[in-house]
């Protein structure tokens, strides 16, 4: 049922793409809206240092801070917050820029063999960089593969290979990935009534457990959890891996590849010889179509929208939102030319790997400690204790941006 639904949906999308008669153009310059979109995504990640949840906890009667805090944290299981769109957006944009990257390398004489060699190297760097960042505060290497960078790295080589295929092949691959991933969960046996949920980090009274067919996608009792209890224990660990506290899984890289394929579709549309109005219309059609498909899967009970295990419905739902985000930024920046406000985001977006490392690595902690050393332990009390993390976090965020601005002015861009 799931496979037939996705194949039929993608068949219609393929026919739509073919009817557009896309003519490729060799555009090598950066697309400003893509950099701004990526900068917006990375700013959301860097802004975690503001710790808005602490502000909300100190001001429990403020709905304003409750809304901000909710959207700076991940939902427990189903649906999403704004913060949940960081990883899919970052992943989606990998696919968007890939046609430009391949065209640029080809124009400099790169062969398929050299491109493939570079791709495999990049995949490995992304995987090991993700593991390295997750191991900074550990006593030994933390072999974990659910990090954004490792998830992209695990699927990136397959994405590049698909970039050399036709649009039809790319969409058939997307349908096969989502249908196969759905089937893996659907045929995995449901836990029995005596299943010990607390032993896998899920309280017995946890309100987010699903029942019926949707229970195949419950936290730490699914096919992805079973795979990780085998796979992650193949690596040296301080103690045996029993579960991921957040419910994240290694196998999410499979549907994450689906998100990158959707980005690849968007990148091909971006590079096509279209009028602005046509490109915007196609983006909107893709966004609306993916959202409709995801909601249909969710509300018919075929597949729930869960980000932490990247369900097929989440791939379609978040992919639709990514198309709508891209539409908005493309219209404002590239069509309407309302870009004076966007420099702050452009500085971040043009150096996204550096921004990721700054936000997820030890630089943030270094800045925080340095501020308290040099400005005193009470400098964050400027507006009272409730806003302490907002004050200290804002200063750290500006310092992080200043590092990226220094790199931007000197044309230092970290590429993998």
Protein backbone atom coordinates (compact mmCIF):
# COMPACT_ATOMS: atom_id res chain seq x y z
CA UNK A 1 0.00 0.00 0.00
CA UNK A 2 2.74 2.40 1.03
CA UNK A 3 4.92 1.43 -1.92
CA UNK A 4 2.04 1.81 -4.41
CA UNK A 5 1.13 5.23 -2.98
CA UNK A 6 4.69 6.62 -3.21
CA UNK A 7 5.36 5.15 -6.66
CA UNK A 8 2.11 6.62 -8.00
CA UNK A 9 2.88 10.01 -6.45
CA UNK A 10 6.38 10.09 -7.92
CA UNK A 11 5.07 8.91 -11.29
CA UNK A 12 2.89 12.01 -11.42
CA UNK A 13 5.81 14.21 -10.38
CA UNK A 14 8.05 12.65 -13.04
CA UNK A 15 5.46 13.32 -15.73
CA UNK A 16 5.19 16.90 -14.49
CA UNK A 17 8.96 17.40 -14.62
CA UNK A 18 9.18 15.90 -18.11
CA UNK A 19 6.39 18.14 -19.37
CA UNK A 20 8.38 21.16 -18.27
CA UNK A 21 11.18 20.22 -20.73
CA UNK A 22 13.91 21.43 -18.43
CA UNK A 23 16.82 22.97 -20.28
CA UNK A 24 20.04 23.00 -18.28
CA UNK A 25 22.10 26.14 -18.10
CA UNK A 26 25.67 26.44 -16.90
CA UNK A 27 25.24 28.88 -14.02
CA UNK A 28 28.36 28.85 -11.91
CA UNK A 29 27.78 31.79 -9.56
CA UNK A 30 26.45 31.28 -6.06
CA UNK A 31 22.71 31.62 -5.59
CA UNK A 32 22.28 34.31 -2.96
CA UNK A 33 19.00 32.95 -1.61
CA UNK A 34 20.57 29.55 -0.93
CA UNK A 35 23.34 31.15 1.13
CA UNK A 36 20.78 33.19 3.08
CA UNK A 37 18.59 30.12 3.69
CA UNK A 38 21.60 28.15 4.88
CA UNK A 39 22.65 31.09 7.07
CA UNK A 40 19.19 31.18 8.62
CA UNK A 41 19.38 27.46 9.40
CA UNK A 42 22.83 27.71 10.94
CA UNK A 43 21.81 30.77 12.95
CA UNK A 44 19.03 28.67 14.51
CA UNK A 45 21.67 26.13 15.51
CA UNK A 46 24.16 28.71 16.79
CA UNK A 47 21.39 30.45 18.75
CA UNK A 48 21.05 27.41 21.03
CA UNK A 49 23.58 29.26 23.19
CA UNK A 50 20.76 31.66 24.16
CA UNK A 51 19.09 28.80 26.09
CA UNK A 52 15.59 30.22 25.76
CA UNK A 53 14.21 27.29 27.76
CA UNK A 54 15.98 28.67 30.85
CA UNK A 55 14.41 32.09 30.27
CA UNK A 56 10.98 30.49 29.85
CA UNK A 57 11.45 28.44 33.03
CA UNK A 58 12.33 31.63 34.93
CA UNK A 59 9.23 33.37 33.51
CA UNK A 60 6.63 30.57 33.60
CA UNK A 61 3.64 32.88 33.02
CA UNK A 62 4.99 34.36 29.79
CA UNK A 63 3.44 32.80 26.70
CA UNK A 64 5.92 34.73 24.53
CA UNK A 65 8.95 32.99 26.03
CA UNK A 66 7.13 29.64 26.07
CA UNK A 67 6.61 29.85 22.31
CA UNK A 68 10.24 30.82 21.71
CA UNK A 69 11.51 28.08 24.01
CA UNK A 70 9.33 25.46 22.30
CA UNK A 71 10.72 26.41 18.90
CA UNK A 72 14.30 26.22 20.18
CA UNK A 73 13.88 22.62 21.31
CA UNK A 74 13.01 19.33 19.61
CA UNK A 75 9.55 17.85 20.03
CA UNK A 76 9.43 14.62 22.01
CA UNK A 77 8.29 12.45 19.09
CA UNK A 78 5.54 13.34 16.58
CA UNK A 79 5.23 16.60 14.62
CA UNK A 80 7.82 19.36 14.86
CA UNK A 81 9.07 22.70 16.10
CA UNK A 82 11.12 25.23 14.14
CA UNK A 83 14.24 23.69 15.69
CA UNK A 84 13.36 20.35 14.14
CA UNK A 85 13.75 21.92 10.69
CA UNK A 86 17.48 22.61 11.14
CA UNK A 87 18.71 19.14 10.16
CA UNK A 88 16.35 18.57 7.20
CA UNK A 89 17.04 22.07 5.85
CA UNK A 90 20.81 21.63 6.11
CA UNK A 91 20.46 18.21 4.45
CA UNK A 92 18.09 19.48 1.76
CA UNK A 93 20.51 22.27 0.84
CA UNK A 94 23.29 19.72 0.28
CA UNK A 95 21.18 18.43 -2.58
CA UNK A 96 20.30 21.92 -3.83
CA UNK A 97 23.91 22.98 -4.35
CA UNK A 98 25.13 19.67 -5.75
CA UNK A 99 24.24 20.40 -9.43
CA UNK A 100 26.22 23.65 -9.16
CA UNK A 101 29.18 21.89 -7.57
CA UNK A 102 29.30 19.17 -10.22
CA UNK A 103 28.96 21.69 -13.05
CA UNK A 104 31.74 23.82 -11.58
CA UNK A 105 34.11 20.87 -11.24
CA UNK A 106 33.32 19.67 -14.74
CA UNK A 107 34.09 23.12 -16.13
CA UNK A 108 37.54 22.80 -14.56
CA UNK A 109 38.15 19.51 -16.33
CA UNK A 110 37.08 17.04 -13.66
CA UNK A 111 36.31 13.52 -14.89
CA UNK A 112 33.69 11.19 -13.44
CA UNK A 113 36.47 9.16 -11.79
CA UNK A 114 37.96 12.23 -10.11
CA UNK A 115 34.52 13.41 -9.02
CA UNK A 116 33.78 10.01 -7.50
CA UNK A 117 37.11 9.96 -5.69
CA UNK A 118 36.44 13.43 -4.26
CA UNK A 119 32.92 12.35 -3.30
CA UNK A 120 34.06 9.30 -1.35
CA UNK A 121 36.72 11.39 0.39
CA UNK A 122 34.13 14.00 1.32
CA UNK A 123 31.75 11.35 2.63
CA UNK A 124 34.42 9.91 4.91
CA UNK A 125 35.44 13.35 6.18
CA UNK A 126 31.82 14.19 7.03
CA UNK A 127 31.37 10.89 8.87
CA UNK A 128 34.56 11.22 10.90
CA UNK A 129 34.01 14.94 11.59
CA UNK A 130 30.59 14.11 13.01
CA UNK A 131 32.09 11.39 15.22
CA UNK A 132 34.89 13.74 16.31
CA UNK A 133 32.47 16.50 17.33
CA UNK A 134 30.36 14.02 19.30
CA UNK A 135 33.49 12.78 21.08
CA UNK A 136 34.83 16.14 22.31
CA UNK A 137 33.58 15.70 25.86
CA UNK A 138 33.78 11.89 25.95
CA UNK A 139 36.48 9.76 27.57
CA UNK A 140 36.95 7.79 24.36
CA UNK A 141 35.80 7.92 20.74
CA UNK A 142 32.02 8.08 20.69
CA UNK A 143 31.08 5.97 17.69
CA UNK A 144 27.66 7.35 16.89
CA UNK A 145 26.15 7.85 13.46
CA UNK A 146 22.94 9.81 14.02
CA UNK A 147 24.68 13.21 13.94
CA UNK A 148 23.75 15.50 11.03
CA UNK A 149 27.20 15.34 9.44
CA UNK A 150 27.52 11.56 9.71
CA UNK A 151 24.02 11.07 8.33
CA UNK A 152 24.86 13.23 5.31
CA UNK A 153 28.22 11.50 4.89
CA UNK A 154 26.65 8.03 4.87
CA UNK A 155 24.34 8.94 2.01
CA UNK A 156 26.36 11.54 0.09
CA UNK A 157 28.15 9.18 -2.33
CA UNK A 158 24.81 7.67 -3.35
CA UNK A 159 23.44 11.18 -3.88
CA UNK A 160 26.28 12.14 -6.20
CA UNK A 161 25.82 8.96 -8.22
CA UNK A 162 22.12 9.77 -8.55
CA UNK A 163 22.99 13.30 -9.70
CA UNK A 164 24.33 11.75 -12.92
CA UNK A 165 21.03 9.94 -13.52
CA UNK A 166 17.85 11.20 -15.13
CA UNK A 167 15.09 12.94 -13.16
CA UNK A 168 12.95 9.82 -13.56
CA UNK A 169 15.66 7.61 -12.04
CA UNK A 170 16.17 10.02 -9.14
CA UNK A 171 12.48 10.02 -8.27
CA UNK A 172 12.15 6.26 -8.64
CA UNK A 173 15.12 5.93 -6.26
CA UNK A 174 13.37 8.27 -3.83
CA UNK A 175 10.20 6.19 -3.99
CA UNK A 176 12.14 2.97 -3.48
CA UNK A 177 14.05 4.40 -0.50
CA UNK A 178 10.92 5.59 1.28
CA UNK A 179 8.85 2.51 0.50
CA UNK A 180 11.67 0.15 1.54
CA UNK A 181 12.31 2.05 4.78
CA UNK A 182 8.59 2.01 5.56
CA UNK A 183 8.42 -1.74 4.91
CA UNK A 184 11.40 -2.42 7.19
CA UNK A 185 9.55 -0.89 10.14
CA UNK A 186 6.15 -2.29 9.15
CA UNK A 187 7.28 -5.93 9.10
CA UNK A 188 9.40 -5.70 12.27
CA UNK A 189 7.43 -7.39 15.09
CA UNK A 190 5.66 -5.14 17.54
CA UNK A 191 6.88 -5.37 21.14
CA UNK A 192 4.82 -7.63 23.36
CA UNK A 193 2.66 -6.44 26.21
CA UNK A 194 5.48 -7.31 28.61
CA UNK A 195 8.10 -5.23 26.77
CA UNK A 196 10.27 -3.35 29.28
CA UNK A 197 10.11 0.22 27.99
CA UNK A 198 12.00 1.76 30.95
CA UNK A 199 14.95 -0.53 30.10
CA UNK A 200 15.26 1.29 26.75
CA UNK A 201 14.86 4.79 28.16
CA UNK A 202 11.09 5.18 27.69
CA UNK A 203 9.03 5.80 30.85
CA UNK A 204 5.98 3.55 31.12
CA UNK A 205 3.68 6.56 31.34
CA UNK A 206 5.37 8.37 28.42
CA UNK A 207 2.47 10.11 26.64
CA UNK A 208 3.98 9.88 23.16
CA UNK A 209 3.82 6.11 22.71
CA UNK A 210 1.59 5.25 19.74
CA UNK A 211 -0.72 2.27 19.48
CA UNK A 212 -2.12 0.21 16.64
CA UNK A 213 -0.18 0.05 13.38
CA UNK A 214 1.65 3.30 14.24
CA UNK A 215 3.35 1.48 17.15
CA UNK A 216 5.84 0.13 14.60
CA UNK A 217 7.45 3.57 14.81
CA UNK A 218 7.57 3.92 18.61
CA UNK A 219 10.69 5.07 20.42
CA UNK A 220 13.45 2.49 21.00
CA UNK A 221 11.37 -0.55 20.10
CA UNK A 222 11.52 -0.43 16.29
CA UNK A 223 13.64 -2.00 13.57
CA UNK A 224 16.09 0.94 13.72
CA UNK A 225 16.60 0.45 17.47
CA UNK A 226 17.18 -3.29 16.94
CA UNK A 227 19.78 -2.55 14.26
CA UNK A 228 21.68 -0.14 16.51
CA UNK A 229 21.78 -2.56 19.44
CA UNK A 230 23.74 -4.83 17.09
CA UNK A 231 25.68 -2.37 14.93
CA UNK A 232 26.88 0.13 17.53
CA UNK A 233 28.12 -2.66 19.78
CA UNK A 234 30.57 -3.68 17.07
CA UNK A 235 32.64 -0.61 18.05
CA UNK A 236 34.66 -0.16 21.26
CA UNK A 237 32.49 1.40 23.95
CA UNK A 238 32.70 2.10 27.66
CA UNK A 239 29.58 0.00 28.11
CA UNK A 240 27.20 -1.90 25.86
CA UNK A 241 24.86 0.22 23.75
CA UNK A 242 21.27 -0.34 24.88
CA UNK A 243 19.40 2.61 23.40
CA UNK A 244 19.73 6.20 22.23
CA UNK A 245 18.30 8.53 24.84
CA UNK A 246 16.64 10.70 22.20
CA UNK A 247 15.47 7.78 20.08
CA UNK A 248 17.72 8.70 17.15
CA UNK A 249 19.11 5.95 14.93
CA UNK A 250 21.86 5.15 12.45
CA UNK A 251 19.45 3.88 9.79
CA UNK A 252 17.91 7.34 9.49
CA UNK A 253 20.63 8.03 6.92
CA UNK A 254 18.50 6.07 4.42
CA UNK A 255 15.49 8.43 4.39
CA UNK A 256 17.91 11.33 4.96
CA UNK A 257 19.23 10.45 1.51
CA UNK A 258 15.63 10.92 0.39
CA UNK A 259 15.70 14.48 1.76
CA UNK A 260 18.92 15.13 -0.15
CA UNK A 261 17.30 13.78 -3.33
CA UNK A 262 14.46 16.27 -2.86
CA UNK A 263 17.13 18.97 -2.55
CA UNK A 264 18.72 17.67 -5.74
CA UNK A 265 15.36 18.03 -7.49
CA UNK A 266 15.15 21.61 -6.22
CA UNK A 267 18.71 22.32 -7.38
CA UNK A 268 17.93 21.06 -10.87
CA UNK A 269 14.85 23.29 -10.99
CA UNK A 270 16.97 26.20 -9.75
CA UNK A 271 19.49 25.70 -12.56
CA UNK A 272 16.86 25.18 -15.24
CA UNK A 273 16.18 27.88 -17.84
CA UNK A 274 12.97 29.10 -16.23
CA UNK A 275 11.43 32.48 -15.68
CA UNK A 276 11.31 33.50 -12.03
CA UNK A 277 7.53 33.07 -11.94
CA UNK A 278 7.74 29.54 -13.35
CA UNK A 279 10.44 28.52 -10.88
CA UNK A 280 8.43 29.89 -7.97
CA UNK A 281 5.32 28.09 -9.19
CA UNK A 282 7.14 24.77 -9.49
CA UNK A 283 8.68 25.19 -6.01
CA UNK A 284 5.24 25.88 -4.56
CA UNK A 285 3.74 22.88 -6.34
CA UNK A 286 6.42 20.59 -4.95
CA UNK A 287 6.05 22.05 -1.46
CA UNK A 288 2.27 21.72 -1.41
CA UNK A 289 2.33 18.25 -2.99
CA UNK A 290 4.83 16.86 -0.49
CA UNK A 291 2.95 18.33 2.47
CA UNK A 292 -0.33 16.86 1.21
CA UNK A 293 1.24 13.42 0.73
CA UNK A 294 2.81 13.47 4.21
CA UNK A 295 -0.39 14.54 5.95
CA UNK A 296 -2.32 11.87 4.07
CA UNK A 297 0.12 9.19 5.25
CA UNK A 298 -0.04 10.49 8.82
CA UNK A 299 -3.79 10.87 9.23
CA UNK A 300 -4.66 7.62 7.44
CA UNK A 301 -2.40 5.80 9.89
CA UNK A 302 -0.07 4.51 7.19
CA UNK A 303 2.97 6.31 8.59
CA UNK A 304 3.36 8.90 11.38
CA UNK A 305 5.39 12.10 11.05
CA UNK A 306 8.37 11.51 13.36
CA UNK A 307 11.63 13.38 12.87
CA UNK A 308 13.85 11.48 15.31
CA UNK A 309 13.69 8.28 13.25
CA UNK A 310 13.10 10.19 9.97
CA UNK A 311 9.95 8.33 8.95
CA UNK A 312 8.99 8.46 5.24
CA UNK A 313 6.13 10.79 6.18
CA UNK A 314 8.68 13.07 7.90
CA UNK A 315 10.87 13.01 4.79
CA UNK A 316 7.95 14.21 2.68
CA UNK A 317 6.62 16.67 5.29
CA UNK A 318 9.95 18.32 6.07
CA UNK A 319 10.87 18.23 2.37
CA UNK A 320 7.70 20.14 1.56
CA UNK A 321 8.53 22.75 4.19
CA UNK A 322 12.08 23.02 2.81
CA UNK A 323 10.64 23.75 -0.64
CA UNK A 324 8.46 26.46 0.88
CA UNK A 325 11.40 27.97 2.80
CA UNK A 326 13.45 27.96 -0.41
CA UNK A 327 10.54 29.60 -2.26
CA UNK A 328 10.36 32.38 0.33
CA UNK A 329 14.08 33.11 0.35
CA UNK A 330 14.34 32.86 -3.44
CA UNK A 331 11.45 35.29 -3.94
CA UNK A 332 12.72 37.82 -1.39
CA UNK A 333 16.44 37.68 -2.25
CA UNK A 334 16.72 36.75 -5.91
CA UNK A 335 13.44 37.99 -7.36
CA UNK A 336 12.38 41.00 -5.28
CA UNK A 337 16.03 41.90 -4.52
CA UNK A 338 15.16 42.78 -0.91
CA UNK A 339 18.55 41.69 0.34
CA UNK A 340 19.99 44.53 2.41
CA UNK A 341 18.92 42.85 5.63
CA UNK A 342 20.46 39.50 4.70
CA UNK A 343 24.20 40.22 5.07
CA UNK A 344 24.25 38.87 8.63
CA UNK A 345 22.89 35.54 7.37
CA UNK A 346 25.05 35.50 4.24
CA UNK A 347 28.20 35.63 6.35
CA UNK A 348 27.04 32.50 8.17
CA UNK A 349 25.65 30.70 5.13
CA UNK A 350 28.76 31.01 2.98
CA UNK A 351 30.82 29.28 5.68
CA UNK A 352 28.33 26.72 6.95
CA UNK A 353 30.85 24.02 7.91
CA UNK A 354 32.79 26.53 10.01
CA UNK A 355 29.51 27.69 11.57
CA UNK A 356 28.55 24.09 12.33
CA UNK A 357 31.88 23.38 14.04
CA UNK A 358 31.68 26.64 16.01
CA UNK A 359 28.16 25.87 17.18
CA UNK A 360 28.75 22.18 17.93
CA UNK A 361 32.38 22.22 19.01
CA UNK A 362 34.43 23.64 21.86
CA UNK A 363 34.68 27.24 20.61
CA UNK A 364 31.31 28.10 22.14
CA UNK A 365 32.41 26.81 25.54
CA UNK A 366 35.72 28.69 25.24
CA UNK A 367 33.87 31.96 24.62
CA UNK A 368 31.48 31.35 27.52
CA UNK A 369 34.27 30.66 30.00
CA UNK A 370 36.32 33.60 28.76
CA UNK A 371 33.44 36.02 29.25
CA UNK A 372 32.99 35.03 32.88
CA UNK A 373 36.76 35.20 33.46
CA UNK A 374 37.22 38.67 32.00
CA UNK A 375 33.83 40.31 32.65
CA UNK A 376 33.09 38.76 36.01
CA UNK A 377 30.58 36.17 37.15
CA UNK A 378 27.77 38.70 37.36
CA UNK A 379 27.99 40.29 33.92
CA UNK A 380 24.98 38.27 32.73
CA UNK A 381 22.75 39.83 35.43
CA UNK A 382 22.37 43.05 33.43
CA UNK A 383 18.59 42.60 33.07
CA UNK A 384 18.08 40.32 36.06
CA UNK A 385 18.61 36.60 36.69
CA UNK A 386 15.74 35.53 34.41
CA UNK A 387 17.60 36.81 31.36
CA UNK A 388 21.08 35.63 32.31
CA UNK A 389 21.43 33.06 29.53
CA UNK A 390 19.99 35.53 27.03
CA UNK A 391 22.64 38.11 27.91
CA UNK A 392 25.62 35.77 27.97
CA UNK A 393 24.35 33.84 24.95
CA UNK A 394 23.86 36.99 22.89
CA UNK A 395 27.47 38.04 23.50
CA UNK A 396 28.74 34.56 22.60
CA UNK A 397 26.59 34.54 19.46
CA UNK A 398 28.02 37.90 18.35
CA UNK A 399 31.55 36.66 18.98
CA UNK A 400 30.85 33.55 16.91
CA UNK A 401 29.48 35.70 14.10
CA UNK A 402 32.50 37.99 14.32
CA UNK A 403 34.79 34.98 13.74
CA UNK A 404 32.77 34.08 10.64
CA UNK A 405 32.83 37.71 9.49
CA UNK A 406 36.62 37.82 9.90
CA UNK A 407 36.84 34.70 7.73
CA UNK A 408 34.38 36.15 5.21
CA UNK A 409 36.35 39.39 4.77
CA UNK A 410 39.56 37.41 4.20
CA UNK A 411 37.79 34.99 1.85
CA UNK A 412 38.53 32.01 4.13
CA UNK A 413 35.84 29.43 3.41
CA UNK A 414 36.10 25.94 4.84
CA UNK A 415 35.20 23.37 2.21
CA UNK A 416 35.19 19.61 2.41
